[in-house]
């Protein structure tokens, strides 16, 4: 199934790496959710995927039906259930992720800041911009060097 480049995305970042078993269980739950996800009784063209055992991503191609406030509320409630069931936090905006070799690591803001001060996170370190809102942004602006992300506005004076 081909999704439009303008498809909306919602990225949820777990505060820890999920086990392969958890990923399988969450993927099944997300697939079940997206298959039954509606907006004003219209079936949404939606899918879900998990990347790096950490990022839960929902996609909606709005060329057929748009996500409404109610449908977005349904997805947030679904994610809160996932959070509760698996003992993870998906809504902490100050849990920041970066790439260290092949690993994706997430930390609370103050620890992220400490790594910048120590020179372990540099302008070239790949960070994750979970504010991406479209499939195009996910493909081009999600995994970016620190210097090209919103993070630089917050921490730029430290690098």
Protein backbone atom coordinates (compact mmCIF):
# COMPACT_ATOMS: atom_id res chain seq x y z
CA UNK A 1 0.00 0.00 0.00
CA UNK A 2 1.51 3.30 -1.13
CA UNK A 3 0.95 6.26 1.16
CA UNK A 4 0.95 9.87 -0.07
CA UNK A 5 4.03 11.94 0.81
CA UNK A 6 1.58 14.31 2.51
CA UNK A 7 0.30 11.58 4.85
CA UNK A 8 0.20 12.68 8.45
CA UNK A 9 2.44 10.99 10.97
CA UNK A 10 2.48 10.86 14.73
CA UNK A 11 5.71 9.71 16.37
CA UNK A 12 5.72 8.35 19.90
CA UNK A 13 9.07 7.66 21.53
CA UNK A 14 9.33 5.09 24.29
CA UNK A 15 11.52 6.05 27.23
CA UNK A 16 13.37 2.74 26.93
CA UNK A 17 14.28 0.22 24.27
CA UNK A 18 11.50 -2.31 23.78
CA UNK A 19 12.27 -6.01 23.70
CA UNK A 20 11.64 -7.88 20.45
CA UNK A 21 8.70 -9.62 22.13
CA UNK A 22 7.21 -6.28 23.19
CA UNK A 23 7.69 -4.94 19.66
CA UNK A 24 5.78 -7.91 18.23
CA UNK A 25 2.94 -7.50 20.75
CA UNK A 26 2.72 -3.73 20.25
CA UNK A 27 2.83 -4.08 16.45
CA UNK A 28 -0.13 -6.48 16.56
CA UNK A 29 -2.07 -4.05 18.79
CA UNK A 30 -1.18 -1.11 16.52
CA UNK A 31 -2.20 -3.05 13.40
CA UNK A 32 -5.54 -3.92 15.02
CA UNK A 33 -6.03 -0.28 16.01
CA UNK A 34 -5.21 1.15 12.56
CA UNK A 35 -7.49 -1.37 10.83
CA UNK A 36 -10.44 -0.13 12.87
CA UNK A 37 -9.45 3.56 13.12
CA UNK A 38 -12.21 5.84 11.88
CA UNK A 39 -13.01 9.55 11.63
CA UNK A 40 -16.73 10.39 11.61
CA UNK A 41 -17.48 6.75 10.74
CA UNK A 42 -15.13 6.86 7.74
CA UNK A 43 -12.38 4.25 7.71
CA UNK A 44 -8.98 5.94 7.78
CA UNK A 45 -6.25 4.73 5.44
CA UNK A 46 -3.81 4.12 8.25
CA UNK A 47 -0.83 2.00 9.18
CA UNK A 48 1.63 1.73 12.03
CA UNK A 49 5.23 0.75 12.43
CA UNK A 50 7.87 0.54 15.10
CA UNK A 51 11.40 1.68 14.38
CA UNK A 52 14.55 0.88 16.34
CA UNK A 53 12.50 -0.91 19.07
CA UNK A 54 11.71 2.57 20.37
CA UNK A 55 9.58 4.73 18.06
CA UNK A 56 5.89 3.95 17.52
CA UNK A 57 4.67 5.70 14.40
CA UNK A 58 1.11 6.09 13.14
CA UNK A 59 0.43 7.10 9.53
CA UNK A 60 -2.81 8.40 8.01
CA UNK A 61 -3.13 9.08 4.29
CA UNK A 62 -5.66 11.89 4.29
CA UNK A 63 -6.25 11.76 0.54
CA UNK A 64 -9.23 9.49 1.32
CA UNK A 65 -10.43 10.67 4.74
CA UNK A 66 -8.89 13.15 7.12
CA UNK A 67 -8.08 12.54 10.76
CA UNK A 68 -10.49 14.51 12.92
CA UNK A 69 -10.12 15.73 16.48
CA UNK A 70 -12.10 12.70 17.68
CA UNK A 71 -9.99 10.24 15.71
CA UNK A 72 -6.79 11.81 17.02
CA UNK A 73 -8.20 11.52 20.55
CA UNK A 74 -8.81 7.81 19.85
CA UNK A 75 -5.17 7.35 18.86
CA UNK A 76 -3.92 9.20 21.96
CA UNK A 77 -6.14 7.04 24.17
CA UNK A 78 -4.85 3.93 22.38
CA UNK A 79 -1.24 5.01 22.96
CA UNK A 80 -1.98 5.65 26.63
CA UNK A 81 -3.27 2.07 26.89
CA UNK A 82 -0.07 0.79 25.24
CA UNK A 83 1.92 2.90 27.69
CA UNK A 84 0.10 1.48 30.69
CA UNK A 85 0.19 -2.13 29.48
CA UNK A 86 3.93 -2.13 28.72
CA UNK A 87 5.10 0.15 31.52
CA UNK A 88 6.61 2.75 29.19
CA UNK A 89 6.32 6.50 28.81
CA UNK A 90 5.39 7.68 25.32
CA UNK A 91 4.46 11.28 26.13
CA UNK A 92 7.60 12.72 27.75
CA UNK A 93 8.66 15.48 25.33
CA UNK A 94 11.87 16.03 27.30
CA UNK A 95 13.03 12.46 26.72
CA UNK A 96 15.47 13.10 23.86
CA UNK A 97 16.90 10.46 21.54
CA UNK A 98 20.16 10.30 19.66
CA UNK A 99 22.18 7.72 17.74
CA UNK A 100 25.38 6.30 19.20
CA UNK A 101 26.84 3.95 16.59
CA UNK A 102 24.10 1.42 15.83
CA UNK A 103 22.21 2.13 19.07
CA UNK A 104 19.43 4.65 19.60
CA UNK A 105 19.62 6.04 23.13
CA UNK A 106 17.15 8.28 24.90
CA UNK A 107 17.75 10.39 27.95
CA UNK A 108 16.01 12.99 30.05
CA UNK A 109 16.83 16.55 28.97
CA UNK A 110 19.38 17.23 31.75
CA UNK A 111 21.41 14.10 30.91
CA UNK A 112 21.27 14.97 27.19
CA UNK A 113 22.59 18.42 28.10
CA UNK A 114 25.42 16.87 30.16
CA UNK A 115 26.52 14.78 27.16
CA UNK A 116 26.66 17.91 25.02
CA UNK A 117 28.83 19.62 27.62
CA UNK A 118 31.10 16.55 27.74
CA UNK A 119 31.42 16.57 23.94
CA UNK A 120 29.76 13.15 23.57
CA UNK A 121 26.93 14.73 21.57
CA UNK A 122 28.26 17.01 18.83
CA UNK A 123 26.78 19.05 15.99
CA UNK A 124 27.09 15.94 13.80
CA UNK A 125 25.36 13.52 16.20
CA UNK A 126 22.14 12.14 14.69
CA UNK A 127 19.12 13.16 16.75
CA UNK A 128 15.43 12.40 16.33
CA UNK A 129 12.92 15.09 15.51
CA UNK A 130 9.67 13.57 16.70
CA UNK A 131 7.85 16.75 15.67
CA UNK A 132 7.81 15.57 12.04
CA UNK A 133 4.19 15.76 10.89
CA UNK A 134 4.17 14.30 7.37
CA UNK A 135 5.65 11.28 5.65
CA UNK A 136 8.01 13.59 3.74
CA UNK A 137 9.22 15.17 7.00
CA UNK A 138 9.66 11.70 8.50
CA UNK A 139 11.83 10.73 5.54
CA UNK A 140 13.88 13.95 5.43
CA UNK A 141 13.76 15.69 8.82
CA UNK A 142 13.34 12.96 11.44
CA UNK A 143 16.87 11.51 11.68
CA UNK A 144 19.09 14.54 11.28
CA UNK A 145 22.41 15.89 12.53
CA UNK A 146 22.06 17.87 15.76
CA UNK A 147 23.06 21.06 13.90
CA UNK A 148 20.05 20.70 11.54
CA UNK A 149 17.44 19.90 14.21
CA UNK A 150 15.27 21.93 16.56
CA UNK A 151 17.62 20.73 19.33
CA UNK A 152 20.19 23.33 18.25
CA UNK A 153 17.81 26.14 19.28
CA UNK A 154 17.55 24.66 22.76
CA UNK A 155 21.17 23.63 23.28
CA UNK A 156 23.09 25.52 20.58
CA UNK A 157 25.14 27.60 23.01
CA UNK A 158 26.58 24.38 24.51
CA UNK A 159 28.18 22.96 21.32
